[in-house]
Amino acid sequence: MTAEPAAVLLIDEIDRADEAFEAYLLELLSDFQVSIPELGTIHARTRPQVILTSNGTRELSDALRRRCLYHYVDYPDHAKELMIVQAKVPGAPLALAKQVVDFVQALRKHDLRKKPGIAETLDWICALLQLGVNSLDEDGTDIIVQTLSALVKTQEDRARLSRPVVQNMVAAC
């Protein structure tokens, strides 16, 4: 807060913070100061740049939302997600990378409580590689069903993805 020029403050997953922290943050965003009982009030020399990220796990207060500009970041398209997989998991065979991205992109179209993100895509392809999988061929349904926990993070979503549903998704990919 006292840096010259102003520093950037990144608060990741603000929606996971409690209301007390949110109130603390409001003072920074509205008055450009922070009150610390042991130290007193620290005033910002220049207006701080604050970036908040949220996964939408809870609604933020109206007061906080009023002080923010929003930019929604959607899931990447197929080509971009494939580029990310190739960059982050360079040892993955291209055929497997394409199949994984195809499946994850199809999975996101389902009515799931928590759609898999890029992190889940990367976790899944790494798990498949650790299991010695180089391709999701016709017999891919078994390994997909066995490794769905890398992609699907709620019991409710897992229940929606029965073996026949997975088979239909594999056939469509």
N, C-alpha and C. Protein backbone atom coordinates (compact mmCIF):
# COMPACT_ATOMS: atom_id res chain seq x y z
N MET A 1 0.82 -1.21 0.00
CA MET A 1 0.00 0.00 0.00
C MET A 1 0.85 1.26 0.00
N THR A 2 2.04 1.14 0.48
CA THR A 2 2.89 2.33 0.53
C THR A 2 3.92 2.32 -0.59
N ALA A 3 3.83 1.35 -1.50
CA ALA A 3 4.79 1.24 -2.59
C ALA A 3 4.58 2.35 -3.62
N GLU A 4 5.67 2.74 -4.24
CA GLU A 4 5.65 3.70 -5.34
C GLU A 4 6.34 3.06 -6.52
N PRO A 5 5.81 2.91 -7.66
CA PRO A 5 4.39 3.15 -7.98
C PRO A 5 3.51 2.09 -7.32
N ALA A 6 2.22 2.26 -7.45
CA ALA A 6 1.27 1.37 -6.78
C ALA A 6 1.49 -0.08 -7.18
N ALA A 7 1.39 -0.94 -6.21
CA ALA A 7 1.53 -2.37 -6.46
C ALA A 7 0.18 -2.94 -6.87
N VAL A 8 0.22 -4.14 -7.40
CA VAL A 8 -1.00 -4.85 -7.75
C VAL A 8 -1.25 -5.89 -6.68
N LEU A 9 -2.46 -5.91 -6.14
CA LEU A 9 -2.85 -6.88 -5.13
C LEU A 9 -3.78 -7.88 -5.79
N LEU A 10 -3.39 -9.16 -5.80
CA LEU A 10 -4.21 -10.23 -6.34
C LEU A 10 -4.81 -11.02 -5.19
N ILE A 11 -6.12 -11.08 -5.16
CA ILE A 11 -6.81 -11.89 -4.16
C ILE A 11 -7.56 -12.97 -4.93
N ASP A 12 -7.03 -14.18 -4.85
CA ASP A 12 -7.57 -15.31 -5.59
C ASP A 12 -8.71 -15.94 -4.79
N GLU A 13 -9.79 -16.27 -5.49
CA GLU A 13 -10.95 -16.92 -4.91
C GLU A 13 -11.53 -16.16 -3.73
N ILE A 14 -11.86 -14.91 -3.97
CA ILE A 14 -12.44 -14.06 -2.93
C ILE A 14 -13.73 -14.66 -2.37
N ASP A 15 -14.43 -15.43 -3.18
CA ASP A 15 -15.68 -16.03 -2.73
C ASP A 15 -15.47 -17.07 -1.63
N ARG A 16 -14.25 -17.48 -1.40
CA ARG A 16 -13.96 -18.44 -0.33
C ARG A 16 -13.58 -17.73 0.98
N ALA A 17 -13.42 -16.42 0.92
CA ALA A 17 -13.10 -15.65 2.13
C ALA A 17 -14.38 -15.39 2.91
N ASP A 18 -14.23 -15.15 4.20
CA ASP A 18 -15.41 -14.87 5.02
C ASP A 18 -15.81 -13.41 4.92
N GLU A 19 -16.97 -13.09 5.48
CA GLU A 19 -17.50 -11.72 5.40
C GLU A 19 -16.59 -10.71 6.12
N ALA A 20 -15.90 -11.15 7.17
CA ALA A 20 -15.01 -10.25 7.91
C ALA A 20 -13.87 -9.78 6.99
N PHE A 21 -13.33 -10.69 6.19
CA PHE A 21 -12.27 -10.30 5.26
C PHE A 21 -12.83 -9.39 4.19
N GLU A 22 -14.03 -9.69 3.74
CA GLU A 22 -14.67 -8.86 2.73
C GLU A 22 -14.84 -7.42 3.24
N ALA A 23 -15.23 -7.26 4.51
CA ALA A 23 -15.36 -5.93 5.11
C ALA A 23 -14.01 -5.23 5.18
N TYR A 24 -12.98 -5.96 5.52
CA TYR A 24 -11.62 -5.44 5.57
C TYR A 24 -11.21 -4.94 4.18
N LEU A 25 -11.55 -5.72 3.17
CA LEU A 25 -11.22 -5.36 1.79
C LEU A 25 -11.99 -4.12 1.34
N LEU A 26 -13.22 -3.97 1.80
CA LEU A 26 -14.03 -2.80 1.43
C LEU A 26 -13.35 -1.49 1.83
N GLU A 27 -12.71 -1.49 2.99
CA GLU A 27 -12.00 -0.29 3.44
C GLU A 27 -10.88 0.06 2.45
N LEU A 28 -10.18 -0.96 2.00
CA LEU A 28 -9.10 -0.73 1.03
C LEU A 28 -9.67 -0.20 -0.29
N LEU A 29 -10.76 -0.79 -0.76
CA LEU A 29 -11.31 -0.41 -2.05
C LEU A 29 -12.04 0.93 -2.03
N SER A 30 -12.62 1.31 -0.90
CA SER A 30 -13.37 2.56 -0.86
C SER A 30 -12.55 3.74 -0.34
N ASP A 31 -11.73 3.50 0.68
CA ASP A 31 -10.98 4.60 1.30
C ASP A 31 -9.48 4.54 1.02
N PHE A 32 -9.03 3.49 0.35
CA PHE A 32 -7.61 3.29 0.02
C PHE A 32 -6.75 3.34 1.27
N GLN A 33 -7.25 2.66 2.29
CA GLN A 33 -6.53 2.55 3.54
C GLN A 33 -6.91 1.25 4.22
N VAL A 34 -6.09 0.85 5.19
CA VAL A 34 -6.36 -0.36 5.97
C VAL A 34 -6.10 -0.01 7.42
N SER A 35 -7.07 -0.37 8.28
CA SER A 35 -6.93 -0.15 9.72
C SER A 35 -6.50 -1.44 10.38
N ILE A 36 -5.34 -1.38 11.04
CA ILE A 36 -4.80 -2.54 11.76
C ILE A 36 -4.71 -2.12 13.22
N PRO A 37 -5.47 -2.78 14.09
CA PRO A 37 -5.52 -2.34 15.49
C PRO A 37 -4.15 -2.12 16.13
N GLU A 38 -3.20 -3.01 15.86
CA GLU A 38 -1.89 -2.90 16.49
C GLU A 38 -1.03 -1.80 15.87
N LEU A 39 -1.33 -1.39 14.63
CA LEU A 39 -0.47 -0.43 13.93
C LEU A 39 -1.16 0.89 13.60
N GLY A 40 -2.46 0.92 13.65
CA GLY A 40 -3.20 2.12 13.26
C GLY A 40 -3.67 2.01 11.82
N THR A 41 -3.93 3.16 11.20
CA THR A 41 -4.43 3.19 9.84
C THR A 41 -3.29 3.45 8.87
N ILE A 42 -3.19 2.60 7.87
CA ILE A 42 -2.16 2.75 6.83
C ILE A 42 -2.86 3.25 5.59
N HIS A 43 -2.43 4.42 5.12
CA HIS A 43 -3.03 5.03 3.93
C HIS A 43 -2.20 4.69 2.70
N ALA A 44 -2.86 4.40 1.61
CA ALA A 44 -2.16 4.12 0.36
C ALA A 44 -1.61 5.43 -0.19
N ARG A 45 -0.36 5.39 -0.67
CA ARG A 45 0.23 6.57 -1.29
C ARG A 45 -0.38 6.83 -2.66
N THR A 46 -0.64 5.76 -3.37
CA THR A 46 -1.31 5.85 -4.67
C THR A 46 -2.43 4.82 -4.67
N ARG A 47 -3.38 5.01 -5.55
CA ARG A 47 -4.53 4.12 -5.62
C ARG A 47 -4.06 2.71 -6.00
N PRO A 48 -4.33 1.72 -5.14
CA PRO A 48 -3.87 0.36 -5.45
C PRO A 48 -4.69 -0.28 -6.57
N GLN A 49 -4.04 -1.12 -7.33
CA GLN A 49 -4.73 -1.92 -8.35
C GLN A 49 -5.05 -3.26 -7.69
N VAL A 50 -6.31 -3.60 -7.61
CA VAL A 50 -6.74 -4.81 -6.93
C VAL A 50 -7.45 -5.70 -7.93
N ILE A 51 -7.01 -6.95 -8.01
CA ILE A 51 -7.64 -7.94 -8.89
C ILE A 51 -8.20 -9.04 -8.01
N LEU A 52 -9.48 -9.30 -8.16
CA LEU A 52 -10.14 -10.36 -7.41
C LEU A 52 -10.55 -11.45 -8.38
N THR A 53 -10.37 -12.69 -7.99
CA THR A 53 -10.89 -13.79 -8.78
C THR A 53 -11.95 -14.51 -7.95
N SER A 54 -12.90 -15.11 -8.64
CA SER A 54 -13.97 -15.82 -7.97
C SER A 54 -14.40 -17.00 -8.81
N ASN A 55 -14.71 -18.09 -8.14
CA ASN A 55 -15.26 -19.27 -8.82
C ASN A 55 -16.76 -19.35 -8.64
N GLY A 56 -17.35 -18.34 -8.00
CA GLY A 56 -18.80 -18.29 -7.84
C GLY A 56 -19.34 -19.26 -6.82
N THR A 57 -18.55 -19.64 -5.82
CA THR A 57 -19.05 -20.58 -4.83
C THR A 57 -20.01 -19.92 -3.85
N ARG A 58 -19.94 -18.61 -3.71
CA ARG A 58 -20.93 -17.86 -2.93
C ARG A 58 -21.04 -16.47 -3.52
N GLU A 59 -22.17 -15.83 -3.27
CA GLU A 59 -22.38 -14.46 -3.74
C GLU A 59 -21.55 -13.49 -2.90
N LEU A 60 -20.97 -12.53 -3.56
CA LEU A 60 -20.25 -11.48 -2.84
C LEU A 60 -21.25 -10.42 -2.41
N SER A 61 -20.88 -9.63 -1.42
CA SER A 61 -21.79 -8.60 -0.92
C SER A 61 -22.03 -7.55 -2.00
N ASP A 62 -23.17 -6.89 -1.91
CA ASP A 62 -23.50 -5.82 -2.86
C ASP A 62 -22.44 -4.72 -2.81
N ALA A 63 -21.98 -4.40 -1.60
CA ALA A 63 -20.99 -3.34 -1.45
C ALA A 63 -19.70 -3.67 -2.20
N LEU A 64 -19.27 -4.92 -2.12
CA LEU A 64 -18.05 -5.31 -2.82
C LEU A 64 -18.27 -5.35 -4.32
N ARG A 65 -19.39 -5.92 -4.74
CA ARG A 65 -19.67 -5.99 -6.18
C ARG A 65 -19.78 -4.60 -6.81
N ARG A 66 -20.29 -3.65 -6.05
CA ARG A 66 -20.44 -2.27 -6.56
C ARG A 66 -19.08 -1.64 -6.86
N ARG A 67 -18.04 -2.10 -6.22
CA ARG A 67 -16.70 -1.53 -6.41
C ARG A 67 -15.85 -2.29 -7.41
N CYS A 68 -16.46 -3.24 -8.11
CA CYS A 68 -15.70 -4.09 -9.03
C CYS A 68 -16.20 -3.97 -10.47
N LEU A 69 -15.27 -4.19 -11.38
CA LEU A 69 -15.61 -4.38 -12.78
C LEU A 69 -15.49 -5.88 -13.02
N TYR A 70 -16.34 -6.42 -13.86
CA TYR A 70 -16.36 -7.86 -14.07
C TYR A 70 -15.84 -8.24 -15.44
N HIS A 71 -15.10 -9.31 -15.47
CA HIS A 71 -14.67 -9.91 -16.73
C HIS A 71 -14.81 -11.42 -16.56
N TYR A 72 -15.72 -12.01 -17.30
CA TYR A 72 -15.95 -13.44 -17.20
C TYR A 72 -15.01 -14.16 -18.15
N VAL A 73 -14.30 -15.16 -17.64
CA VAL A 73 -13.40 -15.95 -18.46
C VAL A 73 -14.04 -17.31 -18.67
N ASP A 74 -14.41 -17.59 -19.90
CA ASP A 74 -15.07 -18.85 -20.22
C ASP A 74 -14.03 -19.94 -20.44
N TYR A 75 -14.50 -21.17 -20.57
CA TYR A 75 -13.60 -22.27 -20.89
C TYR A 75 -13.02 -22.03 -22.28
N PRO A 76 -11.82 -22.49 -22.53
CA PRO A 76 -11.22 -22.29 -23.85
C PRO A 76 -11.90 -23.17 -24.90
N ASP A 77 -11.79 -22.74 -26.16
CA ASP A 77 -12.31 -23.59 -27.23
C ASP A 77 -11.37 -24.79 -27.39
N HIS A 78 -11.76 -25.69 -28.27
CA HIS A 78 -11.01 -26.94 -28.45
C HIS A 78 -9.54 -26.69 -28.80
N ALA A 79 -9.30 -25.83 -29.78
CA ALA A 79 -7.93 -25.58 -30.24
C ALA A 79 -7.07 -25.00 -29.12
N LYS A 80 -7.61 -24.07 -28.38
CA LYS A 80 -6.83 -23.45 -27.30
C LYS A 80 -6.57 -24.45 -26.17
N GLU A 81 -7.57 -25.24 -25.83
CA GLU A 81 -7.37 -26.23 -24.76
C GLU A 81 -6.34 -27.26 -25.18
N LEU A 82 -6.36 -27.66 -26.43
CA LEU A 82 -5.37 -28.61 -26.94
C LEU A 82 -3.97 -28.00 -26.86
N MET A 83 -3.84 -26.73 -27.20
CA MET A 83 -2.54 -26.05 -27.08
C MET A 83 -2.06 -26.04 -25.64
N ILE A 84 -2.97 -25.79 -24.71
CA ILE A 84 -2.61 -25.77 -23.29
C ILE A 84 -2.13 -27.14 -22.85
N VAL A 85 -2.86 -28.18 -23.24
CA VAL A 85 -2.47 -29.55 -22.88
C VAL A 85 -1.09 -29.87 -23.44
N GLN A 86 -0.86 -29.52 -24.70
CA GLN A 86 0.45 -29.81 -25.31
C GLN A 86 1.57 -29.04 -24.63
N ALA A 87 1.28 -27.82 -24.19
CA ALA A 87 2.31 -27.01 -23.53
C ALA A 87 2.61 -27.52 -22.12
N LYS A 88 1.57 -27.93 -21.40
CA LYS A 88 1.73 -28.35 -20.01
C LYS A 88 2.10 -29.82 -19.85
N VAL A 89 1.74 -30.65 -20.84
CA VAL A 89 2.05 -32.08 -20.79
C VAL A 89 2.68 -32.46 -22.13
N PRO A 90 3.91 -31.98 -22.37
CA PRO A 90 4.52 -32.18 -23.69
C PRO A 90 4.77 -33.64 -24.06
N GLY A 91 4.82 -34.53 -23.10
CA GLY A 91 5.04 -35.95 -23.39
C GLY A 91 3.80 -36.70 -23.82
N ALA A 92 2.65 -36.03 -23.79
CA ALA A 92 1.39 -36.72 -24.15
C ALA A 92 1.31 -36.90 -25.66
N PRO A 93 0.97 -38.11 -26.12
CA PRO A 93 0.78 -38.30 -27.56
C PRO A 93 -0.34 -37.40 -28.07
N LEU A 94 -0.16 -36.86 -29.26
CA LEU A 94 -1.14 -35.93 -29.82
C LEU A 94 -2.52 -36.58 -29.91
N ALA A 95 -2.58 -37.84 -30.30
CA ALA A 95 -3.88 -38.52 -30.43
C ALA A 95 -4.61 -38.56 -29.08
N LEU A 96 -3.88 -38.88 -28.02
CA LEU A 96 -4.49 -38.92 -26.69
C LEU A 96 -4.92 -37.52 -26.27
N ALA A 97 -4.07 -36.53 -26.49
CA ALA A 97 -4.41 -35.16 -26.12
C ALA A 97 -5.70 -34.72 -26.81
N LYS A 98 -5.83 -35.02 -28.09
CA LYS A 98 -7.05 -34.66 -28.82
C LYS A 98 -8.27 -35.38 -28.25
N GLN A 99 -8.12 -36.67 -27.95
CA GLN A 99 -9.24 -37.43 -27.40
C GLN A 99 -9.66 -36.91 -26.02
N VAL A 100 -8.69 -36.58 -25.21
CA VAL A 100 -8.97 -36.05 -23.87
C VAL A 100 -9.72 -34.72 -24.00
N VAL A 101 -9.23 -33.83 -24.84
CA VAL A 101 -9.88 -32.53 -25.02
C VAL A 101 -11.27 -32.72 -25.60
N ASP A 102 -11.42 -33.61 -26.58
CA ASP A 102 -12.74 -33.90 -27.14
C ASP A 102 -13.72 -34.31 -26.04
N PHE A 103 -13.28 -35.24 -25.20
CA PHE A 103 -14.15 -35.76 -24.14
C PHE A 103 -14.50 -34.67 -23.12
N VAL A 104 -13.50 -33.92 -22.70
CA VAL A 104 -13.75 -32.88 -21.69
C VAL A 104 -14.68 -31.80 -22.26
N GLN A 105 -14.46 -31.42 -23.51
CA GLN A 105 -15.34 -30.42 -24.14
C GLN A 105 -16.78 -30.95 -24.20
N ALA A 106 -16.94 -32.23 -24.52
CA ALA A 106 -18.28 -32.83 -24.55
C ALA A 106 -18.87 -32.89 -23.15
N LEU A 107 -18.05 -33.22 -22.16
CA LEU A 107 -18.50 -33.32 -20.78
C LEU A 107 -19.03 -31.98 -20.27
N ARG A 108 -18.40 -30.89 -20.66
CA ARG A 108 -18.83 -29.56 -20.22
C ARG A 108 -20.22 -29.20 -20.75
N LYS A 109 -20.69 -29.87 -21.77
CA LYS A 109 -22.02 -29.60 -22.33
C LYS A 109 -23.12 -30.27 -21.51
N HIS A 110 -22.72 -31.18 -20.61
CA HIS A 110 -23.70 -31.85 -19.75
C HIS A 110 -24.10 -30.93 -18.60
N ASP A 111 -25.26 -31.22 -18.06
CA ASP A 111 -25.76 -30.45 -16.92
C ASP A 111 -25.07 -30.94 -15.65
N LEU A 112 -23.92 -30.36 -15.37
CA LEU A 112 -23.14 -30.74 -14.19
C LEU A 112 -23.11 -29.59 -13.19
N ARG A 113 -23.03 -29.92 -11.93
CA ARG A 113 -22.91 -28.88 -10.90
C ARG A 113 -21.54 -28.20 -10.98
N LYS A 114 -20.51 -28.98 -11.24
CA LYS A 114 -19.14 -28.44 -11.35
C LYS A 114 -18.52 -28.99 -12.62
N LYS A 115 -18.48 -28.17 -13.64
CA LYS A 115 -17.89 -28.59 -14.92
C LYS A 115 -16.36 -28.64 -14.76
N PRO A 116 -15.72 -29.59 -15.43
CA PRO A 116 -14.25 -29.69 -15.30
C PRO A 116 -13.55 -28.51 -15.96
N GLY A 117 -12.57 -27.97 -15.27
CA GLY A 117 -11.78 -26.88 -15.81
C GLY A 117 -10.50 -27.40 -16.44
N ILE A 118 -9.64 -26.47 -16.80
CA ILE A 118 -8.36 -26.83 -17.41
C ILE A 118 -7.53 -27.68 -16.45
N ALA A 119 -7.55 -27.34 -15.18
CA ALA A 119 -6.77 -28.12 -14.20
C ALA A 119 -7.20 -29.58 -14.22
N GLU A 120 -8.49 -29.82 -14.31
CA GLU A 120 -8.98 -31.20 -14.36
C GLU A 120 -8.56 -31.89 -15.65
N THR A 121 -8.59 -31.17 -16.76
CA THR A 121 -8.13 -31.75 -18.02
C THR A 121 -6.68 -32.20 -17.89
N LEU A 122 -5.84 -31.33 -17.32
CA LEU A 122 -4.42 -31.65 -17.16
C LEU A 122 -4.22 -32.80 -16.17
N ASP A 123 -4.97 -32.78 -15.07
CA ASP A 123 -4.87 -33.88 -14.10
C ASP A 123 -5.25 -35.21 -14.76
N TRP A 124 -6.30 -35.18 -15.57
CA TRP A 124 -6.79 -36.42 -16.17
C TRP A 124 -5.78 -36.99 -17.17
N ILE A 125 -5.25 -36.14 -18.04
CA ILE A 125 -4.30 -36.68 -19.03
C ILE A 125 -3.04 -37.18 -18.33
N CYS A 126 -2.62 -36.53 -17.26
CA CYS A 126 -1.45 -37.02 -16.50
C CYS A 126 -1.76 -38.36 -15.85
N ALA A 127 -2.98 -38.52 -15.31
CA ALA A 127 -3.37 -39.80 -14.72
C ALA A 127 -3.40 -40.90 -15.78
N LEU A 128 -3.94 -40.58 -16.94
CA LEU A 128 -3.98 -41.57 -18.02
C LEU A 128 -2.57 -41.99 -18.43
N LEU A 129 -1.67 -41.04 -18.53
CA LEU A 129 -0.29 -41.36 -18.89
C LEU A 129 0.37 -42.23 -17.81
N GLN A 130 0.10 -41.91 -16.55
CA GLN A 130 0.66 -42.72 -15.46
C GLN A 130 0.15 -44.15 -15.50
N LEU A 131 -1.06 -44.32 -16.03
CA LEU A 131 -1.64 -45.66 -16.16
C LEU A 131 -1.21 -46.36 -17.45
N GLY A 132 -0.38 -45.69 -18.24
CA GLY A 132 0.12 -46.29 -19.47
C GLY A 132 -0.84 -46.18 -20.64
N VAL A 133 -1.81 -45.30 -20.55
CA VAL A 133 -2.79 -45.12 -21.63
C VAL A 133 -2.21 -44.16 -22.65
N ASN A 134 -2.19 -44.57 -23.91
CA ASN A 134 -1.70 -43.70 -24.99
C ASN A 134 -2.79 -43.31 -25.96
N SER A 135 -3.97 -43.94 -25.82
CA SER A 135 -5.08 -43.65 -26.72
C SER A 135 -6.37 -44.12 -26.07
N LEU A 136 -7.44 -43.39 -26.29
CA LEU A 136 -8.76 -43.81 -25.83
C LEU A 136 -9.49 -44.42 -27.02
N ASP A 137 -9.11 -45.64 -27.35
CA ASP A 137 -9.69 -46.31 -28.51
C ASP A 137 -11.08 -46.85 -28.17
N GLU A 138 -11.53 -47.84 -28.91
CA GLU A 138 -12.87 -48.40 -28.70
C GLU A 138 -13.08 -48.92 -27.28
N ASP A 139 -12.02 -49.36 -26.64
CA ASP A 139 -12.12 -49.87 -25.28
C ASP A 139 -11.91 -48.76 -24.25
N GLY A 140 -11.94 -47.53 -24.68
CA GLY A 140 -11.67 -46.40 -23.80
C GLY A 140 -12.70 -46.17 -22.73
N THR A 141 -13.91 -46.70 -22.90
CA THR A 141 -14.97 -46.46 -21.92
C THR A 141 -14.56 -46.95 -20.54
N ASP A 142 -13.94 -48.12 -20.46
CA ASP A 142 -13.55 -48.66 -19.15
C ASP A 142 -12.60 -47.72 -18.42
N ILE A 143 -11.56 -47.28 -19.09
CA ILE A 143 -10.57 -46.43 -18.42
C ILE A 143 -11.17 -45.06 -18.09
N ILE A 144 -12.07 -44.56 -18.93
CA ILE A 144 -12.72 -43.27 -18.64
C ILE A 144 -13.56 -43.41 -17.37
N VAL A 145 -14.36 -44.45 -17.29
CA VAL A 145 -15.20 -44.67 -16.11
C VAL A 145 -14.34 -44.81 -14.86
N GLN A 146 -13.23 -45.52 -14.98
CA GLN A 146 -12.34 -45.74 -13.83
C GLN A 146 -11.64 -44.48 -13.37
N THR A 147 -11.45 -43.53 -14.28
CA THR A 147 -10.68 -42.32 -13.95
C THR A 147 -11.53 -41.05 -13.91
N LEU A 148 -12.84 -41.19 -13.93
CA LEU A 148 -13.72 -40.01 -13.93
C LEU A 148 -13.50 -39.09 -12.73
N SER A 149 -13.01 -39.62 -11.64
CA SER A 149 -12.82 -38.77 -10.45
C SER A 149 -11.79 -37.67 -10.71
N ALA A 150 -10.96 -37.82 -11.72
CA ALA A 150 -10.03 -36.74 -12.07
C ALA A 150 -10.77 -35.57 -12.72
N LEU A 151 -11.93 -35.84 -13.30
CA LEU A 151 -12.70 -34.81 -14.00
C LEU A 151 -13.92 -34.33 -13.24
N VAL A 152 -14.60 -35.23 -12.58
CA VAL A 152 -15.88 -34.95 -11.95
C VAL A 152 -15.69 -34.88 -10.44
N LYS A 153 -16.09 -33.78 -9.84
CA LYS A 153 -15.74 -33.53 -8.45
C LYS A 153 -16.90 -33.61 -7.46
N THR A 154 -18.10 -33.95 -7.93
CA THR A 154 -19.20 -34.11 -6.98
C THR A 154 -19.85 -35.48 -7.18
N GLN A 155 -20.39 -36.02 -6.11
CA GLN A 155 -21.05 -37.32 -6.19
C GLN A 155 -22.28 -37.23 -7.09
N GLU A 156 -22.96 -36.11 -7.02
CA GLU A 156 -24.14 -35.89 -7.85
C GLU A 156 -23.78 -35.94 -9.34
N ASP A 157 -22.70 -35.26 -9.72
CA ASP A 157 -22.26 -35.27 -11.12
C ASP A 157 -21.80 -36.66 -11.53
N ARG A 158 -21.12 -37.35 -10.63
CA ARG A 158 -20.64 -38.70 -10.95
C ARG A 158 -21.81 -39.63 -11.22
N ALA A 159 -22.87 -39.49 -10.45
CA ALA A 159 -24.06 -40.33 -10.63
C ALA A 159 -24.72 -40.09 -11.99
N ARG A 160 -24.62 -38.89 -12.51
CA ARG A 160 -25.19 -38.57 -13.82
C ARG A 160 -24.42 -39.20 -14.97
N LEU A 161 -23.18 -39.58 -14.71
CA LEU A 161 -22.33 -40.11 -15.77
C LEU A 161 -22.22 -41.63 -15.68
N SER A 162 -23.33 -42.27 -15.92
CA SER A 162 -23.35 -43.73 -15.91
C SER A 162 -22.53 -44.27 -17.08
N ARG A 163 -22.26 -45.53 -17.05
CA ARG A 163 -21.48 -46.16 -18.12
C ARG A 163 -22.12 -45.93 -19.50
N PRO A 164 -23.45 -46.11 -19.65
CA PRO A 164 -24.05 -45.84 -20.96
C PRO A 164 -23.89 -44.40 -21.44
N VAL A 165 -23.97 -43.45 -20.50
CA VAL A 165 -23.78 -42.04 -20.86
C VAL A 165 -22.35 -41.83 -21.35
N VAL A 166 -21.39 -42.39 -20.63
CA VAL A 166 -19.98 -42.27 -21.03
C VAL A 166 -19.77 -42.93 -22.40
N GLN A 167 -20.36 -44.10 -22.61
CA GLN A 167 -20.23 -44.77 -23.91
C GLN A 167 -20.76 -43.90 -25.04
N ASN A 168 -21.90 -43.27 -24.83
CA ASN A 168 -22.47 -42.38 -25.85
C ASN A 168 -21.56 -41.19 -26.11
N MET A 169 -20.94 -40.66 -25.06
CA MET A 169 -20.03 -39.53 -25.22
C MET A 169 -18.80 -39.96 -26.02
N VAL A 170 -18.27 -41.14 -25.70
CA VAL A 170 -17.09 -41.63 -26.41
C VAL A 170 -17.43 -41.83 -27.89
N ALA A 171 -18.60 -42.39 -28.16
CA ALA A 171 -19.01 -42.62 -29.55
C ALA A 171 -19.17 -41.30 -30.30
N ALA A 172 -19.66 -40.27 -29.60
CA ALA A 172 -19.87 -38.97 -30.23
C ALA A 172 -18.56 -38.24 -30.49
N CYS A 173 -17.55 -38.53 -29.67
CA CYS A 173 -16.25 -37.86 -29.85
C CYS A 173 -15.55 -38.49 -31.01
